[in-house]
mmCIF file of all heavy atoms, coordinates in Angstrom:
data_MODEL
# 
_entry.id   MODEL 
# 
loop_
_atom_site.group_PDB 
_atom_site.id 
_atom_site.type_symbol 
_atom_site.label_atom_id 
_atom_site.label_alt_id 
_atom_site.label_comp_id 
_atom_site.label_asym_id 
_atom_site.label_entity_id 
_atom_site.label_seq_id 
_atom_site.pdbx_PDB_ins_code 
_atom_site.Cartn_x 
_atom_site.Cartn_y 
_atom_site.Cartn_z 
_atom_site.occupancy 
_atom_site.B_iso_or_equiv 
_atom_site.pdbx_formal_charge 
_atom_site.auth_seq_id 
_atom_site.auth_comp_id 
_atom_site.auth_asym_id 
_atom_site.auth_atom_id 
_atom_site.pdbx_PDB_model_num 
ATOM 1   N N   . SER A 1 1  ? 136.784 60.544 45.066 1.00 0.00 ? 1  SER A N   1 
ATOM 2   C CA  . SER A 1 1  ? 135.886 60.889 43.977 1.00 0.00 ? 1  SER A CA  1 
ATOM 3   C C   . SER A 1 1  ? 136.492 61.944 43.048 1.00 0.00 ? 1  SER A C   1 
ATOM 4   O O   . SER A 1 1  ? 136.327 61.854 41.813 1.00 0.00 ? 1  SER A O   1 
ATOM 5   C CB  . SER A 1 1  ? 134.544 61.410 44.550 1.00 0.00 ? 1  SER A CB  1 
ATOM 6   O OG  . SER A 1 1  ? 134.763 62.549 45.381 1.00 0.00 ? 1  SER A OG  1 
ATOM 7   N N   . THR A 1 2  ? 137.221 62.893 43.609 1.00 0.00 ? 2  THR A N   1 
ATOM 8   C CA  . THR A 1 2  ? 137.852 63.930 42.766 1.00 0.00 ? 2  THR A CA  1 
ATOM 9   C C   . THR A 1 2  ? 138.972 63.326 41.910 1.00 0.00 ? 2  THR A C   1 
ATOM 10  O O   . THR A 1 2  ? 139.100 63.692 40.716 1.00 0.00 ? 2  THR A O   1 
ATOM 11  C CB  . THR A 1 2  ? 138.423 65.062 43.630 1.00 0.00 ? 2  THR A CB  1 
ATOM 12  O OG1 . THR A 1 2  ? 137.372 65.589 44.446 1.00 0.00 ? 2  THR A OG1 1 
ATOM 13  C CG2 . THR A 1 2  ? 138.998 66.164 42.760 1.00 0.00 ? 2  THR A CG2 1 
ATOM 14  N N   . ARG A 1 3  ? 139.758 62.422 42.488 1.00 0.00 ? 3  ARG A N   1 
ATOM 15  C CA  . ARG A 1 3  ? 140.811 61.816 41.669 1.00 0.00 ? 3  ARG A CA  1 
ATOM 16  C C   . ARG A 1 3  ? 140.237 60.937 40.573 1.00 0.00 ? 3  ARG A C   1 
ATOM 17  O O   . ARG A 1 3  ? 140.792 60.847 39.470 1.00 0.00 ? 3  ARG A O   1 
ATOM 18  C CB  . ARG A 1 3  ? 141.762 61.008 42.555 1.00 0.00 ? 3  ARG A CB  1 
ATOM 19  C CG  . ARG A 1 3  ? 142.973 60.540 41.750 1.00 0.00 ? 3  ARG A CG  1 
ATOM 20  C CD  . ARG A 1 3  ? 144.087 60.010 42.560 1.00 0.00 ? 3  ARG A CD  1 
ATOM 21  N NE  . ARG A 1 3  ? 145.186 59.648 41.696 1.00 0.00 ? 3  ARG A NE  1 
ATOM 22  C CZ  . ARG A 1 3  ? 146.259 58.975 42.101 1.00 0.00 ? 3  ARG A CZ  1 
ATOM 23  N NH1 . ARG A 1 3  ? 146.393 58.632 43.372 1.00 0.00 ? 3  ARG A NH1 1 
ATOM 24  N NH2 . ARG A 1 3  ? 147.218 58.688 41.259 1.00 0.00 ? 3  ARG A NH2 1 
ATOM 25  N N   . THR A 1 4  ? 139.117 60.284 40.840 1.00 0.00 ? 4  THR A N   1 
ATOM 26  C CA  . THR A 1 4  ? 138.448 59.506 39.801 1.00 0.00 ? 4  THR A CA  1 
ATOM 27  C C   . THR A 1 4  ? 137.989 60.408 38.663 1.00 0.00 ? 4  THR A C   1 
ATOM 28  O O   . THR A 1 4  ? 138.189 60.086 37.473 1.00 0.00 ? 4  THR A O   1 
ATOM 29  C CB  . THR A 1 4  ? 137.260 58.749 40.395 1.00 0.00 ? 4  THR A CB  1 
ATOM 30  O OG1 . THR A 1 4  ? 137.715 57.867 41.451 1.00 0.00 ? 4  THR A OG1 1 
ATOM 31  C CG2 . THR A 1 4  ? 136.537 57.931 39.332 1.00 0.00 ? 4  THR A CG2 1 
ATOM 32  N N   . MET A 1 5  ? 137.388 61.527 38.990 1.00 0.00 ? 5  MET A N   1 
ATOM 33  C CA  . MET A 1 5  ? 136.932 62.463 37.978 1.00 0.00 ? 5  MET A CA  1 
ATOM 34  C C   . MET A 1 5  ? 138.133 63.042 37.203 1.00 0.00 ? 5  MET A C   1 
ATOM 35  O O   . MET A 1 5  ? 138.084 63.218 35.987 1.00 0.00 ? 5  MET A O   1 
ATOM 36  C CB  . MET A 1 5  ? 136.141 63.604 38.633 1.00 0.00 ? 5  MET A CB  1 
ATOM 37  C CG  . MET A 1 5  ? 135.535 64.596 37.649 1.00 0.00 ? 5  MET A CG  1 
ATOM 38  S SD  . MET A 1 5  ? 134.706 65.945 38.495 1.00 0.00 ? 5  MET A SD  1 
ATOM 39  C CE  . MET A 1 5  ? 133.523 65.020 39.504 1.00 0.00 ? 5  MET A CE  1 
ATOM 40  N N   . ASP A 1 6  ? 139.217 63.294 37.933 1.00 0.00 ? 6  ASP A N   1 
ATOM 41  C CA  . ASP A 1 6  ? 140.408 63.863 37.305 1.00 0.00 ? 6  ASP A CA  1 
ATOM 42  C C   . ASP A 1 6  ? 141.000 62.882 36.294 1.00 0.00 ? 6  ASP A C   1 
ATOM 43  O O   . ASP A 1 6  ? 141.361 63.287 35.180 1.00 0.00 ? 6  ASP A O   1 
ATOM 44  C CB  . ASP A 1 6  ? 141.447 64.184 38.410 1.00 0.00 ? 6  ASP A CB  1 
ATOM 45  C CG  . ASP A 1 6  ? 142.700 64.806 37.824 1.00 0.00 ? 6  ASP A CG  1 
ATOM 46  O OD1 . ASP A 1 6  ? 142.728 66.029 37.621 1.00 0.00 ? 6  ASP A OD1 1 
ATOM 47  O OD2 . ASP A 1 6  ? 143.683 64.039 37.615 1.00 0.00 ? 6  ASP A OD2 1 
ATOM 48  N N   . PHE A 1 7  ? 141.080 61.598 36.642 1.00 0.00 ? 7  PHE A N   1 
ATOM 49  C CA  . PHE A 1 7  ? 141.632 60.627 35.722 1.00 0.00 ? 7  PHE A CA  1 
ATOM 50  C C   . PHE A 1 7  ? 140.693 60.377 34.546 1.00 0.00 ? 7  PHE A C   1 
ATOM 51  O O   . PHE A 1 7  ? 141.116 60.114 33.424 1.00 0.00 ? 7  PHE A O   1 
ATOM 52  C CB  . PHE A 1 7  ? 141.917 59.314 36.453 1.00 0.00 ? 7  PHE A CB  1 
ATOM 53  C CG  . PHE A 1 7  ? 143.012 58.496 35.823 1.00 0.00 ? 7  PHE A CG  1 
ATOM 54  C CD1 . PHE A 1 7  ? 144.315 58.683 36.205 1.00 0.00 ? 7  PHE A CD1 1 
ATOM 55  C CD2 . PHE A 1 7  ? 142.741 57.587 34.825 1.00 0.00 ? 7  PHE A CD2 1 
ATOM 56  C CE1 . PHE A 1 7  ? 145.351 57.948 35.631 1.00 0.00 ? 7  PHE A CE1 1 
ATOM 57  C CE2 . PHE A 1 7  ? 143.756 56.854 34.221 1.00 0.00 ? 7  PHE A CE2 1 
ATOM 58  C CZ  . PHE A 1 7  ? 145.051 57.050 34.633 1.00 0.00 ? 7  PHE A CZ  1 
ATOM 59  N N   . PHE A 1 8  ? 139.381 60.448 34.789 1.00 0.00 ? 8  PHE A N   1 
ATOM 60  C CA  . PHE A 1 8  ? 138.428 60.298 33.698 1.00 0.00 ? 8  PHE A CA  1 
ATOM 61  C C   . PHE A 1 8  ? 138.600 61.372 32.646 1.00 0.00 ? 8  PHE A C   1 
ATOM 62  O O   . PHE A 1 8  ? 138.526 61.097 31.449 1.00 0.00 ? 8  PHE A O   1 
ATOM 63  C CB  . PHE A 1 8  ? 137.000 60.283 34.230 1.00 0.00 ? 8  PHE A CB  1 
ATOM 64  C CG  . PHE A 1 8  ? 135.945 60.221 33.166 1.00 0.00 ? 8  PHE A CG  1 
ATOM 65  C CD1 . PHE A 1 8  ? 135.626 59.025 32.548 1.00 0.00 ? 8  PHE A CD1 1 
ATOM 66  C CD2 . PHE A 1 8  ? 135.266 61.362 32.778 1.00 0.00 ? 8  PHE A CD2 1 
ATOM 67  C CE1 . PHE A 1 8  ? 134.668 58.948 31.573 1.00 0.00 ? 8  PHE A CE1 1 
ATOM 68  C CE2 . PHE A 1 8  ? 134.306 61.319 31.779 1.00 0.00 ? 8  PHE A CE2 1 
ATOM 69  C CZ  . PHE A 1 8  ? 133.999 60.085 31.181 1.00 0.00 ? 8  PHE A CZ  1 
ATOM 70  N N   . MET A 1 9  ? 138.837 62.620 33.065 1.00 0.00 ? 9  MET A N   1 
ATOM 71  C CA  . MET A 1 9  ? 139.017 63.691 32.114 1.00 0.00 ? 9  MET A CA  1 
ATOM 72  C C   . MET A 1 9  ? 140.318 63.490 31.320 1.00 0.00 ? 9  MET A C   1 
ATOM 73  O O   . MET A 1 9  ? 140.423 63.927 30.164 1.00 0.00 ? 9  MET A O   1 
ATOM 74  C CB  . MET A 1 9  ? 139.026 65.041 32.835 1.00 0.00 ? 9  MET A CB  1 
ATOM 75  C CG  . MET A 1 9  ? 137.630 65.494 33.232 1.00 0.00 ? 9  MET A CG  1 
ATOM 76  S SD  . MET A 1 9  ? 137.599 67.188 33.862 1.00 0.00 ? 9  MET A SD  1 
ATOM 77  C CE  . MET A 1 9  ? 138.290 66.939 35.494 1.00 0.00 ? 9  MET A CE  1 
ATOM 78  N N   . THR A 1 10 ? 141.323 62.832 31.925 1.00 0.00 ? 10 THR A N   1 
ATOM 79  C CA  . THR A 1 10 ? 142.551 62.541 31.174 1.00 0.00 ? 10 THR A CA  1 
ATOM 80  C C   . THR A 1 10 ? 142.256 61.568 30.036 1.00 0.00 ? 10 THR A C   1 
ATOM 81  O O   . THR A 1 10 ? 142.815 61.725 28.936 1.00 0.00 ? 10 THR A O   1 
ATOM 82  C CB  . THR A 1 10 ? 143.590 61.934 32.130 1.00 0.00 ? 10 THR A CB  1 
ATOM 83  O OG1 . THR A 1 10 ? 143.835 62.816 33.223 1.00 0.00 ? 10 THR A OG1 1 
ATOM 84  C CG2 . THR A 1 10 ? 144.907 61.672 31.396 1.00 0.00 ? 10 THR A CG2 1 
ATOM 85  N N   . ASP A 1 11 ? 141.423 60.577 30.256 1.00 0.00 ? 11 ASP A N   1 
ATOM 86  C CA  . ASP A 1 11 ? 141.033 59.684 29.175 1.00 0.00 ? 11 ASP A CA  1 
ATOM 87  C C   . ASP A 1 11 ? 140.080 60.375 28.186 1.00 0.00 ? 11 ASP A C   1 
ATOM 88  O O   . ASP A 1 11 ? 140.135 60.114 26.972 1.00 0.00 ? 11 ASP A O   1 
ATOM 89  C CB  . ASP A 1 11 ? 140.327 58.432 29.747 1.00 0.00 ? 11 ASP A CB  1 
ATOM 90  C CG  . ASP A 1 11 ? 141.312 57.472 30.392 1.00 0.00 ? 11 ASP A CG  1 
ATOM 91  O OD1 . ASP A 1 11 ? 142.528 57.637 30.174 1.00 0.00 ? 11 ASP A OD1 1 
ATOM 92  O OD2 . ASP A 1 11 ? 140.873 56.603 31.139 1.00 0.00 ? 11 ASP A OD2 1 
ATOM 93  N N   . TYR A 1 12 ? 139.249 61.246 28.701 1.00 0.00 ? 12 TYR A N   1 
ATOM 94  C CA  . TYR A 1 12 ? 138.266 61.911 27.840 1.00 0.00 ? 12 TYR A CA  1 
ATOM 95  C C   . TYR A 1 12 ? 138.935 62.802 26.813 1.00 0.00 ? 12 TYR A C   1 
ATOM 96  O O   . TYR A 1 12 ? 138.462 62.915 25.670 1.00 0.00 ? 12 TYR A O   1 
ATOM 97  C CB  . TYR A 1 12 ? 137.299 62.713 28.705 1.00 0.00 ? 12 TYR A CB  1 
ATOM 98  C CG  . TYR A 1 12 ? 136.291 63.502 27.905 1.00 0.00 ? 12 TYR A CG  1 
ATOM 99  C CD1 . TYR A 1 12 ? 135.254 62.873 27.234 1.00 0.00 ? 12 TYR A CD1 1 
ATOM 100 C CD2 . TYR A 1 12 ? 136.358 64.897 27.825 1.00 0.00 ? 12 TYR A CD2 1 
ATOM 101 C CE1 . TYR A 1 12 ? 134.338 63.568 26.476 1.00 0.00 ? 12 TYR A CE1 1 
ATOM 102 C CE2 . TYR A 1 12 ? 135.439 65.608 27.114 1.00 0.00 ? 12 TYR A CE2 1 
ATOM 103 C CZ  . TYR A 1 12 ? 134.429 64.951 26.425 1.00 0.00 ? 12 TYR A CZ  1 
ATOM 104 O OH  . TYR A 1 12 ? 133.511 65.647 25.677 1.00 0.00 ? 12 TYR A OH  1 
ATOM 105 N N   . ILE A 1 13 ? 140.030 63.476 27.174 1.00 0.00 ? 13 ILE A N   1 
ATOM 106 C CA  . ILE A 1 13 ? 140.699 64.367 26.216 1.00 0.00 ? 13 ILE A CA  1 
ATOM 107 C C   . ILE A 1 13 ? 141.238 63.594 25.033 1.00 0.00 ? 13 ILE A C   1 
ATOM 108 O O   . ILE A 1 13 ? 141.244 64.063 23.893 1.00 0.00 ? 13 ILE A O   1 
ATOM 109 C CB  . ILE A 1 13 ? 141.798 65.201 26.913 1.00 0.00 ? 13 ILE A CB  1 
ATOM 110 C CG1 . ILE A 1 13 ? 142.292 66.327 25.996 1.00 0.00 ? 13 ILE A CG1 1 
ATOM 111 C CG2 . ILE A 1 13 ? 142.958 64.316 27.324 1.00 0.00 ? 13 ILE A CG2 1 
ATOM 112 C CD1 . ILE A 1 13 ? 141.225 67.354 25.688 1.00 0.00 ? 13 ILE A CD1 1 
ATOM 113 N N   . CYS A 1 14 ? 141.696 62.337 25.266 1.00 0.00 ? 14 CYS A N   1 
ATOM 114 C CA  . CYS A 1 14 ? 142.175 61.515 24.161 1.00 0.00 ? 14 CYS A CA  1 
ATOM 115 C C   . CYS A 1 14 ? 141.038 61.157 23.221 1.00 0.00 ? 14 CYS A C   1 
ATOM 116 O O   . CYS A 1 14 ? 141.199 61.162 21.994 1.00 0.00 ? 14 CYS A O   1 
ATOM 117 C CB  . CYS A 1 14 ? 142.843 60.267 24.690 1.00 0.00 ? 14 CYS A CB  1 
ATOM 118 S SG  . CYS A 1 14 ? 144.326 60.563 25.667 1.00 0.00 ? 14 CYS A SG  1 
ATOM 119 N N   . ASP A 1 15 ? 139.903 60.833 23.801 1.00 0.00 ? 15 ASP A N   1 
ATOM 120 C CA  . ASP A 1 15 ? 138.713 60.529 22.986 1.00 0.00 ? 15 ASP A CA  1 
ATOM 121 C C   . ASP A 1 15 ? 138.303 61.763 22.195 1.00 0.00 ? 15 ASP A C   1 
ATOM 122 O O   . ASP A 1 15 ? 137.901 61.662 21.003 1.00 0.00 ? 15 ASP A O   1 
ATOM 123 C CB  . ASP A 1 15 ? 137.576 60.073 23.909 1.00 0.00 ? 15 ASP A CB  1 
ATOM 124 C CG  . ASP A 1 15 ? 136.476 59.382 23.142 1.00 0.00 ? 15 ASP A CG  1 
ATOM 125 O OD1 . ASP A 1 15 ? 136.700 58.965 21.999 1.00 0.00 ? 15 ASP A OD1 1 
ATOM 126 O OD2 . ASP A 1 15 ? 135.373 59.248 23.699 1.00 0.00 ? 15 ASP A OD2 1 
ATOM 127 N N   . LEU A 1 16 ? 138.387 62.922 22.793 1.00 0.00 ? 16 LEU A N   1 
ATOM 128 C CA  . LEU A 1 16 ? 138.022 64.184 22.123 1.00 0.00 ? 16 LEU A CA  1 
ATOM 129 C C   . LEU A 1 16 ? 138.980 64.504 20.986 1.00 0.00 ? 16 LEU A C   1 
ATOM 130 O O   . LEU A 1 16 ? 138.538 64.949 19.889 1.00 0.00 ? 16 LEU A O   1 
ATOM 131 C CB  . LEU A 1 16 ? 138.002 65.313 23.142 1.00 0.00 ? 16 LEU A CB  1 
ATOM 132 C CG  . LEU A 1 16 ? 137.251 66.595 22.758 1.00 0.00 ? 16 LEU A CG  1 
ATOM 133 C CD1 . LEU A 1 16 ? 135.763 66.292 22.561 1.00 0.00 ? 16 LEU A CD1 1 
ATOM 134 C CD2 . LEU A 1 16 ? 137.445 67.653 23.831 1.00 0.00 ? 16 LEU A CD2 1 
ATOM 135 N N   . VAL A 1 17 ? 140.283 64.261 21.207 1.00 0.00 ? 17 VAL A N   1 
ATOM 136 C CA  . VAL A 1 17 ? 141.267 64.502 20.148 1.00 0.00 ? 17 VAL A CA  1 
ATOM 137 C C   . VAL A 1 17 ? 140.984 63.617 18.936 1.00 0.00 ? 17 VAL A C   1 
ATOM 138 O O   . VAL A 1 17 ? 141.033 64.065 17.769 1.00 0.00 ? 17 VAL A O   1 
ATOM 139 C CB  . VAL A 1 17 ? 142.685 64.260 20.689 1.00 0.00 ? 17 VAL A CB  1 
ATOM 140 C CG1 . VAL A 1 17 ? 143.693 64.146 19.552 1.00 0.00 ? 17 VAL A CG1 1 
ATOM 141 C CG2 . VAL A 1 17 ? 143.090 65.365 21.648 1.00 0.00 ? 17 VAL A CG2 1 
ATOM 142 N N   . ALA A 1 18 ? 140.667 62.349 19.187 1.00 0.00 ? 18 ALA A N   1 
ATOM 143 C CA  . ALA A 1 18 ? 140.398 61.426 18.076 1.00 0.00 ? 18 ALA A CA  1 
ATOM 144 C C   . ALA A 1 18 ? 139.163 61.867 17.283 1.00 0.00 ? 18 ALA A C   1 
ATOM 145 O O   . ALA A 1 18 ? 139.122 61.748 16.041 1.00 0.00 ? 18 ALA A O   1 
ATOM 146 C CB  . ALA A 1 18 ? 140.201 60.011 18.612 1.00 0.00 ? 18 ALA A CB  1 
ATOM 147 N N   . ARG A 1 19 ? 138.142 62.399 17.970 1.00 0.00 ? 19 ARG A N   1 
ATOM 148 C CA  . ARG A 1 19 ? 136.953 62.836 17.266 1.00 0.00 ? 19 ARG A CA  1 
ATOM 149 C C   . ARG A 1 19 ? 137.186 64.134 16.493 1.00 0.00 ? 19 ARG A C   1 
ATOM 150 O O   . ARG A 1 19 ? 136.671 64.323 15.399 1.00 0.00 ? 19 ARG A O   1 
ATOM 151 C CB  . ARG A 1 19 ? 135.777 63.029 18.275 1.00 0.00 ? 19 ARG A CB  1 
ATOM 152 C CG  . ARG A 1 19 ? 135.222 61.702 18.748 1.00 0.00 ? 19 ARG A CG  1 
ATOM 153 C CD  . ARG A 1 19 ? 133.896 61.861 19.464 1.00 0.00 ? 19 ARG A CD  1 
ATOM 154 N NE  . ARG A 1 19 ? 134.083 62.344 20.817 1.00 0.00 ? 19 ARG A NE  1 
ATOM 155 C CZ  . ARG A 1 19 ? 133.553 63.461 21.303 1.00 0.00 ? 19 ARG A CZ  1 
ATOM 156 N NH1 . ARG A 1 19 ? 132.802 64.204 20.542 1.00 0.00 ? 19 ARG A NH1 1 
ATOM 157 N NH2 . ARG A 1 19 ? 133.744 63.811 22.548 1.00 0.00 ? 19 ARG A NH2 1 
ATOM 158 N N   . TYR A 1 20 ? 137.964 65.058 17.071 1.00 0.00 ? 20 TYR A N   1 
ATOM 159 C CA  . TYR A 1 20 ? 138.271 66.301 16.379 1.00 0.00 ? 20 TYR A CA  1 
ATOM 160 C C   . TYR A 1 20 ? 139.178 66.056 15.173 1.00 0.00 ? 20 TYR A C   1 
ATOM 161 O O   . TYR A 1 20 ? 139.079 66.778 14.176 1.00 0.00 ? 20 TYR A O   1 
ATOM 162 C CB  . TYR A 1 20 ? 138.984 67.272 17.333 1.00 0.00 ? 20 TYR A CB  1 
ATOM 163 C CG  . TYR A 1 20 ? 138.035 68.018 18.260 1.00 0.00 ? 20 TYR A CG  1 
ATOM 164 C CD1 . TYR A 1 20 ? 136.669 67.803 18.255 1.00 0.00 ? 20 TYR A CD1 1 
ATOM 165 C CD2 . TYR A 1 20 ? 138.540 68.954 19.162 1.00 0.00 ? 20 TYR A CD2 1 
ATOM 166 C CE1 . TYR A 1 20 ? 135.821 68.465 19.095 1.00 0.00 ? 20 TYR A CE1 1 
ATOM 167 C CE2 . TYR A 1 20 ? 137.690 69.648 19.991 1.00 0.00 ? 20 TYR A CE2 1 
ATOM 168 C CZ  . TYR A 1 20 ? 136.345 69.411 19.977 1.00 0.00 ? 20 TYR A CZ  1 
ATOM 169 O OH  . TYR A 1 20 ? 135.500 70.092 20.816 1.00 0.00 ? 20 TYR A OH  1 
ATOM 170 N N   . GLN A 1 21 ? 140.046 65.043 15.252 1.00 0.00 ? 21 GLN A N   1 
ATOM 171 C CA  . GLN A 1 21 ? 141.002 64.793 14.181 1.00 0.00 ? 21 GLN A CA  1 
ATOM 172 C C   . GLN A 1 21 ? 140.297 64.400 12.880 1.00 0.00 ? 21 GLN A C   1 
ATOM 173 O O   . GLN A 1 21 ? 140.758 64.771 11.801 1.00 0.00 ? 21 GLN A O   1 
ATOM 174 C CB  . GLN A 1 21 ? 141.983 63.703 14.629 1.00 0.00 ? 21 GLN A CB  1 
ATOM 175 C CG  . GLN A 1 21 ? 143.171 63.500 13.691 1.00 0.00 ? 21 GLN A CG  1 
ATOM 176 C CD  . GLN A 1 21 ? 142.920 62.416 12.686 1.00 0.00 ? 21 GLN A CD  1 
ATOM 177 O OE1 . GLN A 1 21 ? 141.962 61.637 12.807 1.00 0.00 ? 21 GLN A OE1 1 
ATOM 178 N NE2 . GLN A 1 21 ? 143.768 62.356 11.649 1.00 0.00 ? 21 GLN A NE2 1 
ATOM 179 N N   . SER A 1 22 ? 139.241 63.650 12.972 1.00 0.00 ? 22 SER A N   1 
ATOM 180 C CA  . SER A 1 22 ? 138.529 63.203 11.763 1.00 0.00 ? 22 SER A CA  1 
ATOM 181 C C   . SER A 1 22 ? 137.057 63.600 11.866 1.00 0.00 ? 22 SER A C   1 
ATOM 182 O O   . SER A 1 22 ? 136.165 62.769 11.688 1.00 0.00 ? 22 SER A O   1 
ATOM 183 C CB  . SER A 1 22 ? 138.654 61.686 11.591 1.00 0.00 ? 22 SER A CB  1 
ATOM 184 O OG  . SER A 1 22 ? 138.209 61.014 12.750 1.00 0.00 ? 22 SER A OG  1 
ATOM 185 N N   . LYS A 1 23 ? 136.798 64.873 12.127 1.00 0.00 ? 23 LYS A N   1 
ATOM 186 C CA  . LYS A 1 23 ? 135.434 65.359 12.247 1.00 0.00 ? 23 LYS A CA  1 
ATOM 187 C C   . LYS A 1 23 ? 134.735 65.331 10.901 1.00 0.00 ? 23 LYS A C   1 
ATOM 188 O O   . LYS A 1 23 ? 135.271 65.795 9.889  1.00 0.00 ? 23 LYS A O   1 
ATOM 189 C CB  . LYS A 1 23 ? 135.446 66.795 12.783 1.00 0.00 ? 23 LYS A CB  1 
ATOM 190 C CG  . LYS A 1 23 ? 134.044 67.344 13.038 1.00 0.00 ? 23 LYS A CG  1 
ATOM 191 C CD  . LYS A 1 23 ? 134.148 68.787 13.587 1.00 0.00 ? 23 LYS A CD  1 
ATOM 192 C CE  . LYS A 1 23 ? 132.740 69.340 13.808 1.00 0.00 ? 23 LYS A CE  1 
ATOM 193 N NZ  . LYS A 1 23 ? 132.815 70.726 14.321 1.00 0.00 ? 23 LYS A NZ  1 
ATOM 194 N N   . PRO A 1 24 ? 133.527 64.746 10.834 1.00 0.00 ? 24 PRO A N   1 
ATOM 195 C CA  . PRO A 1 24 ? 132.815 64.680 9.545  1.00 0.00 ? 24 PRO A CA  1 
ATOM 196 C C   . PRO A 1 24 ? 132.457 66.072 9.036  1.00 0.00 ? 24 PRO A C   1 
ATOM 197 O O   . PRO A 1 24 ? 132.109 66.964 9.814  1.00 0.00 ? 24 PRO A O   1 
ATOM 198 C CB  . PRO A 1 24 ? 131.542 63.880 9.882  1.00 0.00 ? 24 PRO A CB  1 
ATOM 199 C CG  . PRO A 1 24 ? 131.854 63.149 11.172 1.00 0.00 ? 24 PRO A CG  1 
ATOM 200 C CD  . PRO A 1 24 ? 132.806 64.031 11.908 1.00 0.00 ? 24 PRO A CD  1 
ATOM 201 N N   . GLN A 1 25 ? 132.577 66.256 7.733  1.00 0.00 ? 25 GLN A N   1 
ATOM 202 C CA  . GLN A 1 25 ? 132.231 67.512 7.090  1.00 0.00 ? 25 GLN A CA  1 
ATOM 203 C C   . GLN A 1 25 ? 130.941 67.300 6.282  1.00 0.00 ? 25 GLN A C   1 
ATOM 204 O O   . GLN A 1 25 ? 130.956 67.003 5.099  1.00 0.00 ? 25 GLN A O   1 
ATOM 205 C CB  . GLN A 1 25 ? 133.370 67.973 6.203  1.00 0.00 ? 25 GLN A CB  1 
ATOM 206 C CG  . GLN A 1 25 ? 134.698 68.134 6.883  1.00 0.00 ? 25 GLN A CG  1 
ATOM 207 C CD  . GLN A 1 25 ? 134.682 69.241 7.926  1.00 0.00 ? 25 GLN A CD  1 
ATOM 208 O OE1 . GLN A 1 25 ? 133.864 70.178 7.860  1.00 0.00 ? 25 GLN A OE1 1 
ATOM 209 N NE2 . GLN A 1 25 ? 135.555 69.140 8.904  1.00 0.00 ? 25 GLN A NE2 1 
# 
């Protein structure tokens, strides 16, 4: 379960980067 959560956060940071890159103003 911990490794699943760990890998999910690895994918989540990419999603977060894409949202921060073109954040609506």
